[in-house]
């Protein structure tokens, strides 16, 4: 991928220049739009530190518009500031759900707790199991169908954003010590 990304999407088609939209959890800014698609400039650091560089023409992506102040928060607070990438290491498909297990970077493990929140490819998910750097999330059929998780295979990477509150608490407590 070069320094631009063009997305064809039907999120009402009213993309505004300067609007923030998360693509697989990466906050990008609309640089241009034509009602059917929009384009964002992507910095080198973003390509180097996220899974966006692996996107190919025609790939599905998860999209999330910025939360309006008068809207319900239906997950946890996400900023679109990706902390790293995780590798899918196991898929366990059951009748009513599918467990996906990811290996996350070791330096992010301290921000993840069992039954806490983690964002993978921009989707707020509950941590079902945590064993070292292995994070398992259980996904219902609706999540598998409405996101890109249903098409992930072992070895694929996903963007990870850990809960920002834990990072702030750690920083504040560290400054007090």
N, C-alpha and C. Protein backbone atom coordinates (compact mmCIF):
# COMPACT_ATOMS: atom_id res chain seq x y z
N UNK A 1 0.84 -1.17 0.00
CA UNK A 1 0.00 0.00 0.00
C UNK A 1 0.89 1.24 0.00
N UNK A 2 0.47 2.24 -0.76
CA UNK A 2 1.19 3.52 -0.73
C UNK A 2 0.64 4.34 0.43
N UNK A 3 0.76 5.62 0.39
CA UNK A 3 0.35 6.47 1.50
C UNK A 3 -1.11 6.87 1.51
N UNK A 4 -1.94 6.22 0.68
CA UNK A 4 -3.37 6.51 0.70
C UNK A 4 -4.17 5.22 0.75
N UNK A 5 -5.36 5.33 1.29
CA UNK A 5 -6.27 4.20 1.38
C UNK A 5 -7.64 4.70 0.96
N UNK A 6 -8.26 4.02 0.00
CA UNK A 6 -9.60 4.38 -0.44
C UNK A 6 -10.56 3.27 -0.04
N UNK A 7 -11.65 3.68 0.59
CA UNK A 7 -12.65 2.75 1.11
C UNK A 7 -13.98 3.01 0.40
N UNK A 8 -14.59 1.97 -0.10
CA UNK A 8 -15.94 2.07 -0.64
C UNK A 8 -16.87 1.55 0.46
N UNK A 9 -17.78 2.40 0.90
CA UNK A 9 -18.65 2.02 2.01
C UNK A 9 -19.96 2.76 1.92
N UNK A 10 -20.98 2.19 2.55
CA UNK A 10 -22.29 2.83 2.55
C UNK A 10 -22.69 3.25 3.96
N UNK A 11 -21.85 4.04 4.60
CA UNK A 11 -22.17 4.59 5.92
C UNK A 11 -22.93 5.89 5.75
N UNK A 12 -23.99 5.89 5.03
CA UNK A 12 -24.82 7.05 4.72
C UNK A 12 -24.23 7.90 3.60
N UNK A 13 -22.98 7.64 3.19
CA UNK A 13 -22.38 8.38 2.10
C UNK A 13 -22.07 9.83 2.39
N UNK A 14 -22.20 10.26 3.63
CA UNK A 14 -21.99 11.68 3.94
C UNK A 14 -20.66 11.90 4.65
N UNK A 15 -19.61 11.40 4.07
CA UNK A 15 -18.28 11.56 4.65
C UNK A 15 -17.84 13.00 4.50
N UNK A 16 -17.41 13.58 5.60
CA UNK A 16 -17.03 14.99 5.61
C UNK A 16 -15.51 15.10 5.68
N UNK A 17 -14.96 15.97 4.85
CA UNK A 17 -13.52 16.22 4.88
C UNK A 17 -13.09 16.53 6.32
N UNK A 18 -12.07 15.81 6.80
CA UNK A 18 -11.57 16.02 8.16
C UNK A 18 -12.20 15.12 9.20
N UNK A 19 -13.25 14.38 8.84
CA UNK A 19 -13.91 13.47 9.77
C UNK A 19 -12.99 12.29 10.10
N UNK A 20 -13.06 11.83 11.35
CA UNK A 20 -12.30 10.66 11.77
C UNK A 20 -13.14 9.40 11.60
N UNK A 21 -12.56 8.40 10.96
CA UNK A 21 -13.21 7.10 10.81
C UNK A 21 -12.15 6.04 11.09
N UNK A 22 -12.48 5.08 11.93
CA UNK A 22 -11.55 4.00 12.23
C UNK A 22 -11.69 2.89 11.20
N UNK A 23 -10.56 2.46 10.65
CA UNK A 23 -10.49 1.35 9.70
C UNK A 23 -9.71 0.23 10.39
N UNK A 24 -10.39 -0.87 10.67
CA UNK A 24 -9.79 -1.96 11.44
C UNK A 24 -9.15 -1.43 12.72
N UNK A 25 -9.80 -0.43 13.31
CA UNK A 25 -9.35 0.12 14.58
C UNK A 25 -8.35 1.25 14.48
N UNK A 26 -7.91 1.59 13.28
CA UNK A 26 -6.92 2.66 13.09
C UNK A 26 -7.66 3.94 12.72
N UNK A 27 -7.50 4.96 13.54
CA UNK A 27 -8.16 6.24 13.28
C UNK A 27 -7.52 6.91 12.07
N UNK A 28 -8.34 7.15 11.05
CA UNK A 28 -7.89 7.83 9.84
C UNK A 28 -8.78 9.05 9.61
N UNK A 29 -8.29 9.98 8.82
CA UNK A 29 -9.01 11.22 8.54
C UNK A 29 -9.42 11.26 7.08
N UNK A 30 -10.69 11.56 6.84
CA UNK A 30 -11.19 11.67 5.47
C UNK A 30 -10.51 12.84 4.78
N UNK A 31 -9.78 12.55 3.71
CA UNK A 31 -9.11 13.59 2.93
C UNK A 31 -9.95 13.98 1.72
N UNK A 32 -10.73 13.03 1.20
CA UNK A 32 -11.59 13.30 0.05
C UNK A 32 -12.70 12.27 0.04
N UNK A 33 -13.85 12.64 -0.54
CA UNK A 33 -14.95 11.68 -0.67
C UNK A 33 -15.79 12.04 -1.87
N UNK A 34 -16.50 11.03 -2.39
CA UNK A 34 -17.37 11.28 -3.54
C UNK A 34 -18.78 10.74 -3.32
N UNK A 35 -19.12 10.42 -2.08
CA UNK A 35 -20.44 9.91 -1.78
C UNK A 35 -20.51 8.39 -1.76
N UNK A 36 -19.67 7.72 -2.54
CA UNK A 36 -19.64 6.26 -2.55
C UNK A 36 -18.37 5.71 -1.92
N UNK A 37 -17.33 6.53 -1.91
CA UNK A 37 -16.07 6.10 -1.30
C UNK A 37 -15.38 7.32 -0.71
N UNK A 38 -14.38 7.03 0.12
CA UNK A 38 -13.60 8.10 0.72
C UNK A 38 -12.15 7.67 0.77
N UNK A 39 -11.27 8.65 0.82
CA UNK A 39 -9.83 8.40 0.81
C UNK A 39 -9.20 9.05 2.03
N UNK A 40 -8.23 8.34 2.60
CA UNK A 40 -7.47 8.87 3.74
C UNK A 40 -5.99 8.76 3.42
N UNK A 41 -5.23 9.72 3.93
CA UNK A 41 -3.77 9.63 3.86
C UNK A 41 -3.32 8.78 5.04
N UNK A 42 -2.34 7.91 4.81
CA UNK A 42 -1.85 7.01 5.85
C UNK A 42 -0.36 7.25 6.03
N UNK A 43 0.03 7.58 7.26
CA UNK A 43 1.43 7.88 7.56
C UNK A 43 2.27 6.60 7.58
N UNK A 44 3.55 6.73 7.31
CA UNK A 44 4.49 5.61 7.31
C UNK A 44 4.47 4.89 8.66
N UNK A 45 4.45 5.63 9.77
CA UNK A 45 4.44 5.00 11.09
C UNK A 45 3.21 4.11 11.27
N UNK A 46 2.09 4.52 10.70
CA UNK A 46 0.87 3.72 10.77
C UNK A 46 1.03 2.43 9.98
N UNK A 47 1.60 2.53 8.80
CA UNK A 47 1.82 1.33 7.99
C UNK A 47 2.82 0.39 8.65
N UNK A 48 3.80 0.96 9.34
CA UNK A 48 4.84 0.14 9.98
C UNK A 48 4.38 -0.52 11.27
N UNK A 49 3.37 0.04 11.95
CA UNK A 49 3.02 -0.45 13.28
C UNK A 49 1.62 -1.05 13.38
N UNK A 50 0.89 -1.12 12.28
CA UNK A 50 -0.45 -1.70 12.29
C UNK A 50 -0.56 -2.74 11.18
N UNK A 51 -1.69 -3.40 11.13
CA UNK A 51 -1.94 -4.40 10.09
C UNK A 51 -2.53 -3.78 8.83
N UNK A 52 -2.62 -2.45 8.76
CA UNK A 52 -3.18 -1.82 7.56
C UNK A 52 -2.35 -2.09 6.32
N UNK A 53 -1.05 -2.25 6.48
CA UNK A 53 -0.20 -2.47 5.31
C UNK A 53 -0.53 -3.78 4.60
N UNK A 54 -1.23 -4.68 5.26
CA UNK A 54 -1.59 -5.96 4.67
C UNK A 54 -2.92 -5.96 3.94
N UNK A 55 -3.60 -4.82 3.94
CA UNK A 55 -4.90 -4.74 3.25
C UNK A 55 -4.68 -4.70 1.75
N UNK A 56 -5.46 -5.50 1.03
CA UNK A 56 -5.38 -5.55 -0.43
C UNK A 56 -6.70 -5.04 -1.02
N UNK A 57 -6.65 -4.64 -2.27
CA UNK A 57 -7.85 -4.17 -2.97
C UNK A 57 -8.92 -5.24 -2.88
N UNK A 58 -10.12 -4.84 -2.47
CA UNK A 58 -11.25 -5.76 -2.37
C UNK A 58 -11.43 -6.38 -1.00
N UNK A 59 -10.46 -6.23 -0.10
CA UNK A 59 -10.60 -6.78 1.25
C UNK A 59 -11.69 -6.06 2.02
N UNK A 60 -12.45 -6.80 2.84
CA UNK A 60 -13.41 -6.19 3.76
C UNK A 60 -12.63 -5.64 4.94
N UNK A 61 -13.12 -4.55 5.50
CA UNK A 61 -12.53 -3.96 6.70
C UNK A 61 -13.65 -3.59 7.66
N UNK A 62 -13.30 -3.47 8.93
CA UNK A 62 -14.25 -2.99 9.94
C UNK A 62 -14.17 -1.47 9.96
N UNK A 63 -15.33 -0.82 9.91
CA UNK A 63 -15.39 0.64 9.94
C UNK A 63 -16.18 1.10 11.16
N UNK A 64 -15.72 2.17 11.74
CA UNK A 64 -16.43 2.76 12.89
C UNK A 64 -16.27 4.27 12.81
N UNK A 65 -17.39 4.94 12.78
CA UNK A 65 -17.36 6.40 12.81
C UNK A 65 -17.12 6.86 14.24
N UNK A 66 -16.67 8.08 14.39
CA UNK A 66 -16.42 8.65 15.72
C UNK A 66 -17.74 8.71 16.49
N UNK A 67 -17.66 8.45 17.78
CA UNK A 67 -18.84 8.48 18.65
C UNK A 67 -19.30 9.92 18.87
N UNK A 68 -20.58 10.13 18.69
CA UNK A 68 -21.16 11.43 18.99
C UNK A 68 -21.34 11.54 20.50
N UNK A 69 -21.24 12.73 21.03
CA UNK A 69 -21.34 12.94 22.48
C UNK A 69 -22.72 12.58 23.02
N UNK A 70 -23.75 12.57 22.18
CA UNK A 70 -25.10 12.25 22.66
C UNK A 70 -25.51 10.81 22.36
N UNK A 71 -24.54 9.95 22.03
CA UNK A 71 -24.84 8.57 21.68
C UNK A 71 -24.52 7.62 22.83
N UNK A 72 -25.11 6.43 22.76
CA UNK A 72 -24.82 5.39 23.73
C UNK A 72 -23.43 4.81 23.47
N UNK A 73 -22.73 4.48 24.53
CA UNK A 73 -21.44 3.81 24.43
C UNK A 73 -21.70 2.32 24.56
N UNK A 74 -21.63 1.60 23.44
CA UNK A 74 -21.99 0.19 23.42
C UNK A 74 -20.79 -0.74 23.49
N UNK A 75 -19.79 -0.38 24.20
CA UNK A 75 -18.60 -1.21 24.35
C UNK A 75 -17.70 -0.50 25.32
N UNK A 76 -16.43 -0.40 25.01
CA UNK A 76 -15.55 0.41 25.84
C UNK A 76 -14.98 1.54 25.00
N UNK A 77 -14.35 2.48 25.66
CA UNK A 77 -13.84 3.67 24.98
C UNK A 77 -12.66 3.30 24.08
N UNK A 78 -12.79 3.60 22.78
CA UNK A 78 -11.72 3.35 21.82
C UNK A 78 -11.27 4.67 21.22
N UNK A 79 -9.97 4.80 21.03
CA UNK A 79 -9.42 6.02 20.47
C UNK A 79 -8.98 5.86 19.02
N UNK A 80 -8.76 4.63 18.59
CA UNK A 80 -8.22 4.41 17.25
C UNK A 80 -6.72 4.57 17.22
N UNK A 81 -6.10 4.56 18.39
CA UNK A 81 -4.65 4.66 18.50
C UNK A 81 -4.12 3.27 18.82
N UNK A 82 -3.80 2.52 17.78
CA UNK A 82 -3.45 1.11 17.90
C UNK A 82 -2.15 0.95 18.68
N UNK A 83 -2.17 -0.01 19.62
CA UNK A 83 -1.00 -0.28 20.46
C UNK A 83 -0.06 -1.31 19.86
N UNK A 84 -0.53 -2.09 18.92
CA UNK A 84 0.30 -3.13 18.31
C UNK A 84 -0.56 -4.07 17.50
N UNK A 85 0.03 -5.17 17.09
CA UNK A 85 -0.72 -6.17 16.35
C UNK A 85 -0.65 -7.51 17.07
N UNK A 86 -1.67 -8.31 16.86
CA UNK A 86 -1.76 -9.64 17.44
C UNK A 86 -1.88 -10.64 16.31
N UNK A 87 -1.44 -11.85 16.57
CA UNK A 87 -1.53 -12.92 15.59
C UNK A 87 -2.57 -13.94 16.04
N UNK A 88 -3.47 -14.30 15.14
CA UNK A 88 -4.46 -15.32 15.44
C UNK A 88 -3.76 -16.67 15.49
N UNK A 89 -3.84 -17.36 16.63
CA UNK A 89 -3.13 -18.63 16.80
C UNK A 89 -4.06 -19.84 16.89
N UNK A 90 -5.35 -19.62 17.15
CA UNK A 90 -6.29 -20.75 17.23
C UNK A 90 -7.70 -20.28 16.98
N UNK A 91 -8.47 -21.14 16.32
CA UNK A 91 -9.90 -20.92 16.09
C UNK A 91 -10.62 -22.18 16.56
N UNK A 92 -11.58 -22.00 17.45
CA UNK A 92 -12.37 -23.12 17.97
C UNK A 92 -13.84 -22.80 17.71
N UNK A 93 -14.37 -23.33 16.60
CA UNK A 93 -15.75 -23.05 16.21
C UNK A 93 -16.71 -24.00 16.91
N UNK A 94 -17.66 -23.43 17.62
CA UNK A 94 -18.72 -24.18 18.29
C UNK A 94 -20.03 -23.88 17.56
N UNK A 95 -21.11 -24.51 17.98
CA UNK A 95 -22.39 -24.28 17.31
C UNK A 95 -22.91 -22.87 17.54
N UNK A 96 -22.82 -22.36 18.78
CA UNK A 96 -23.40 -21.06 19.11
C UNK A 96 -22.39 -19.92 19.14
N UNK A 97 -21.10 -20.22 19.11
CA UNK A 97 -20.06 -19.19 19.19
C UNK A 97 -18.77 -19.75 18.63
N UNK A 98 -17.82 -18.87 18.44
CA UNK A 98 -16.48 -19.26 18.00
C UNK A 98 -15.47 -18.56 18.89
N UNK A 99 -14.53 -19.33 19.42
CA UNK A 99 -13.44 -18.77 20.21
C UNK A 99 -12.25 -18.50 19.29
N UNK A 100 -11.75 -17.27 19.35
CA UNK A 100 -10.53 -16.91 18.63
C UNK A 100 -9.46 -16.59 19.65
N UNK A 101 -8.30 -17.19 19.51
CA UNK A 101 -7.20 -16.94 20.42
C UNK A 101 -6.09 -16.22 19.67
N UNK A 102 -5.69 -15.08 20.23
CA UNK A 102 -4.66 -14.24 19.65
C UNK A 102 -3.45 -14.20 20.57
N UNK A 103 -2.27 -14.08 19.97
CA UNK A 103 -1.05 -13.84 20.73
C UNK A 103 -0.76 -12.34 20.60
N UNK A 104 -0.78 -11.64 21.73
CA UNK A 104 -0.56 -10.19 21.73
C UNK A 104 0.88 -9.89 22.13
N UNK A 105 1.39 -8.70 21.83
CA UNK A 105 2.74 -8.34 22.26
C UNK A 105 2.87 -8.40 23.78
N UNK A 106 4.01 -8.88 24.26
CA UNK A 106 4.24 -9.06 25.69
C UNK A 106 4.08 -7.75 26.47
N UNK A 107 4.45 -6.62 25.87
CA UNK A 107 4.36 -5.36 26.60
C UNK A 107 2.92 -4.87 26.78
N UNK A 108 1.96 -5.51 26.14
CA UNK A 108 0.55 -5.13 26.30
C UNK A 108 -0.19 -6.03 27.28
N UNK A 109 0.41 -7.14 27.66
CA UNK A 109 -0.24 -8.11 28.53
C UNK A 109 -0.73 -7.48 29.83
N UNK A 110 0.02 -6.58 30.40
CA UNK A 110 -0.35 -6.01 31.71
C UNK A 110 -1.62 -5.16 31.65
N UNK A 111 -2.06 -4.77 30.47
CA UNK A 111 -3.27 -3.96 30.32
C UNK A 111 -4.51 -4.79 30.03
N UNK A 112 -4.36 -6.11 29.97
CA UNK A 112 -5.47 -6.99 29.61
C UNK A 112 -5.83 -7.85 30.81
N UNK A 113 -7.13 -7.92 31.13
CA UNK A 113 -7.61 -8.74 32.24
C UNK A 113 -8.76 -9.62 31.75
N UNK A 114 -8.87 -10.78 32.36
CA UNK A 114 -9.97 -11.69 32.04
C UNK A 114 -11.28 -10.98 32.37
N UNK A 115 -12.22 -11.08 31.47
CA UNK A 115 -13.54 -10.44 31.54
C UNK A 115 -13.46 -8.93 31.35
N UNK A 116 -12.28 -8.43 31.00
CA UNK A 116 -12.12 -7.02 30.68
C UNK A 116 -12.31 -6.80 29.19
N UNK A 117 -12.00 -5.62 28.73
CA UNK A 117 -12.19 -5.27 27.32
C UNK A 117 -10.87 -5.21 26.58
N UNK A 118 -10.94 -5.56 25.30
CA UNK A 118 -9.83 -5.41 24.38
C UNK A 118 -10.44 -5.07 23.02
N UNK A 119 -9.76 -4.26 22.25
CA UNK A 119 -10.23 -3.96 20.90
C UNK A 119 -9.33 -4.70 19.91
N UNK A 120 -9.94 -5.48 19.05
CA UNK A 120 -9.23 -6.18 17.98
C UNK A 120 -9.86 -5.72 16.67
N UNK A 121 -9.03 -5.20 15.79
CA UNK A 121 -9.50 -4.63 14.51
C UNK A 121 -10.66 -3.66 14.72
N UNK A 122 -10.56 -2.89 15.81
CA UNK A 122 -11.52 -1.83 16.06
C UNK A 122 -12.82 -2.27 16.68
N UNK A 123 -12.93 -3.54 17.05
CA UNK A 123 -14.15 -4.06 17.65
C UNK A 123 -13.92 -4.27 19.14
N UNK A 124 -14.77 -3.68 19.95
CA UNK A 124 -14.69 -3.83 21.40
C UNK A 124 -15.17 -5.23 21.77
N UNK A 125 -14.29 -6.01 22.40
CA UNK A 125 -14.60 -7.39 22.73
C UNK A 125 -14.28 -7.67 24.19
N UNK A 126 -14.93 -8.70 24.74
CA UNK A 126 -14.67 -9.13 26.10
C UNK A 126 -13.63 -10.25 26.09
N UNK A 127 -12.66 -10.15 26.97
CA UNK A 127 -11.63 -11.18 27.09
C UNK A 127 -12.25 -12.37 27.83
N UNK A 128 -12.41 -13.49 27.13
CA UNK A 128 -12.99 -14.68 27.74
C UNK A 128 -11.95 -15.44 28.55
N UNK A 129 -10.74 -15.52 28.02
CA UNK A 129 -9.65 -16.22 28.69
C UNK A 129 -8.36 -15.46 28.45
N UNK A 130 -7.46 -15.55 29.41
CA UNK A 130 -6.16 -14.90 29.31
C UNK A 130 -5.12 -15.83 29.92
N UNK A 131 -4.14 -16.19 29.11
CA UNK A 131 -3.06 -17.04 29.58
C UNK A 131 -1.76 -16.48 29.02
N UNK A 132 -1.04 -15.73 29.85
CA UNK A 132 0.17 -15.07 29.38
C UNK A 132 -0.18 -14.06 28.30
N UNK A 133 0.42 -14.20 27.13
CA UNK A 133 0.13 -13.29 26.02
C UNK A 133 -0.97 -13.82 25.11
N UNK A 134 -1.59 -14.92 25.50
CA UNK A 134 -2.67 -15.51 24.71
C UNK A 134 -4.01 -14.98 25.21
N UNK A 135 -4.74 -14.30 24.33
CA UNK A 135 -6.04 -13.71 24.65
C UNK A 135 -7.10 -14.41 23.81
N UNK A 136 -8.12 -14.94 24.49
CA UNK A 136 -9.22 -15.60 23.78
C UNK A 136 -10.47 -14.75 23.91
N UNK A 137 -11.13 -14.53 22.78
CA UNK A 137 -12.41 -13.85 22.74
C UNK A 137 -13.43 -14.82 22.16
N UNK A 138 -14.66 -14.79 22.67
CA UNK A 138 -15.74 -15.63 22.16
C UNK A 138 -16.69 -14.75 21.37
N UNK A 139 -16.92 -15.15 20.14
CA UNK A 139 -17.74 -14.33 19.25
C UNK A 139 -19.02 -15.06 18.85
N UNK A 140 -20.13 -14.34 18.92
CA UNK A 140 -21.41 -14.88 18.50
C UNK A 140 -21.51 -14.79 16.98
N UNK A 141 -22.44 -15.54 16.37
CA UNK A 141 -22.57 -15.51 14.91
C UNK A 141 -22.75 -14.11 14.33
N UNK A 142 -23.50 -13.24 15.01
CA UNK A 142 -23.72 -11.89 14.49
C UNK A 142 -22.39 -11.14 14.36
N UNK A 143 -21.53 -11.23 15.36
CA UNK A 143 -20.23 -10.56 15.29
C UNK A 143 -19.39 -11.15 14.17
N UNK A 144 -19.41 -12.45 14.00
CA UNK A 144 -18.64 -13.09 12.93
C UNK A 144 -19.12 -12.64 11.55
N UNK A 145 -20.42 -12.43 11.41
CA UNK A 145 -20.99 -12.03 10.12
C UNK A 145 -20.81 -10.54 9.84
N UNK A 146 -20.95 -9.70 10.87
CA UNK A 146 -20.95 -8.25 10.68
C UNK A 146 -19.56 -7.61 10.72
N UNK A 147 -18.55 -8.40 11.05
CA UNK A 147 -17.17 -7.91 11.10
C UNK A 147 -16.30 -8.79 10.21
N UNK A 148 -15.03 -8.52 10.20
CA UNK A 148 -14.10 -9.32 9.40
C UNK A 148 -13.62 -10.57 10.14
N UNK A 149 -14.04 -10.78 11.38
CA UNK A 149 -13.54 -11.91 12.15
C UNK A 149 -13.92 -13.26 11.54
N UNK A 150 -15.05 -13.35 10.87
CA UNK A 150 -15.48 -14.60 10.26
C UNK A 150 -14.57 -15.08 9.16
N UNK A 151 -13.76 -14.19 8.60
CA UNK A 151 -12.86 -14.58 7.51
C UNK A 151 -11.40 -14.68 7.94
N UNK A 152 -11.10 -14.45 9.22
CA UNK A 152 -9.72 -14.56 9.68
C UNK A 152 -9.29 -16.02 9.74
N UNK A 153 -8.02 -16.26 9.44
CA UNK A 153 -7.45 -17.60 9.52
C UNK A 153 -6.23 -17.56 10.43
N UNK A 154 -5.90 -18.70 10.98
CA UNK A 154 -4.71 -18.80 11.84
C UNK A 154 -3.52 -18.22 11.08
N UNK A 155 -2.77 -17.36 11.76
CA UNK A 155 -1.62 -16.68 11.16
C UNK A 155 -1.91 -15.25 10.74
N UNK A 156 -3.21 -14.91 10.60
CA UNK A 156 -3.58 -13.53 10.25
C UNK A 156 -3.31 -12.61 11.43
N UNK A 157 -3.11 -11.34 11.12
CA UNK A 157 -2.87 -10.37 12.18
C UNK A 157 -4.07 -9.44 12.35
N UNK A 158 -4.18 -8.90 13.55
CA UNK A 158 -5.25 -7.95 13.87
C UNK A 158 -4.63 -6.81 14.66
N UNK A 159 -5.19 -5.63 14.49
CA UNK A 159 -4.76 -4.48 15.28
C UNK A 159 -5.30 -4.61 16.70
N UNK A 160 -4.48 -4.21 17.67
CA UNK A 160 -4.85 -4.30 19.08
C UNK A 160 -4.82 -2.90 19.69
N UNK A 161 -5.89 -2.58 20.39
CA UNK A 161 -5.91 -1.38 21.24
C UNK A 161 -6.37 -1.84 22.61
N UNK A 162 -5.50 -1.67 23.59
CA UNK A 162 -5.86 -2.07 24.96
C UNK A 162 -6.65 -0.94 25.60
N UNK A 163 -7.24 -1.25 26.74
CA UNK A 163 -8.08 -0.28 27.44
C UNK A 163 -7.23 0.92 27.89
N UNK A 164 -7.55 2.08 27.40
CA UNK A 164 -6.76 3.29 27.67
C UNK A 164 -6.77 3.67 29.15
N UNK A 165 -7.82 3.31 29.86
CA UNK A 165 -7.90 3.68 31.28
C UNK A 165 -6.75 3.06 32.06
N UNK A 166 -6.43 1.80 31.78
CA UNK A 166 -5.31 1.15 32.45
C UNK A 166 -3.99 1.85 32.19
N UNK A 167 -3.80 2.34 30.97
CA UNK A 167 -2.55 3.04 30.64
C UNK A 167 -2.46 4.37 31.40
N UNK A 168 -3.58 5.08 31.51
CA UNK A 168 -3.58 6.33 32.25
C UNK A 168 -3.33 6.10 33.74
N UNK A 169 -3.98 5.09 34.30
CA UNK A 169 -3.78 4.77 35.72
C UNK A 169 -2.33 4.43 35.97
N UNK A 170 -1.73 3.61 35.12
CA UNK A 170 -0.33 3.25 35.28
C UNK A 170 0.57 4.48 35.25
N UNK A 171 0.32 5.38 34.33
CA UNK A 171 1.13 6.59 34.21
C UNK A 171 0.98 7.46 35.46
N UNK A 172 -0.24 7.67 35.91
CA UNK A 172 -0.47 8.52 37.08
C UNK A 172 0.14 7.92 38.33
N UNK A 173 0.01 6.63 38.52
CA UNK A 173 0.59 5.99 39.70
C UNK A 173 2.11 6.00 39.63
N UNK A 174 2.65 5.84 38.42
CA UNK A 174 4.09 5.87 38.24
C UNK A 174 4.66 7.23 38.55
N UNK A 175 3.94 8.30 38.22
CA UNK A 175 4.41 9.66 38.50
C UNK A 175 4.36 9.96 39.99
N UNK A 176 3.48 9.28 40.73
CA UNK A 176 3.35 9.51 42.17
C UNK A 176 4.43 8.77 42.95
N UNK A 177 4.96 7.69 42.35
CA UNK A 177 5.93 6.85 43.08
C UNK A 177 7.29 7.54 43.23
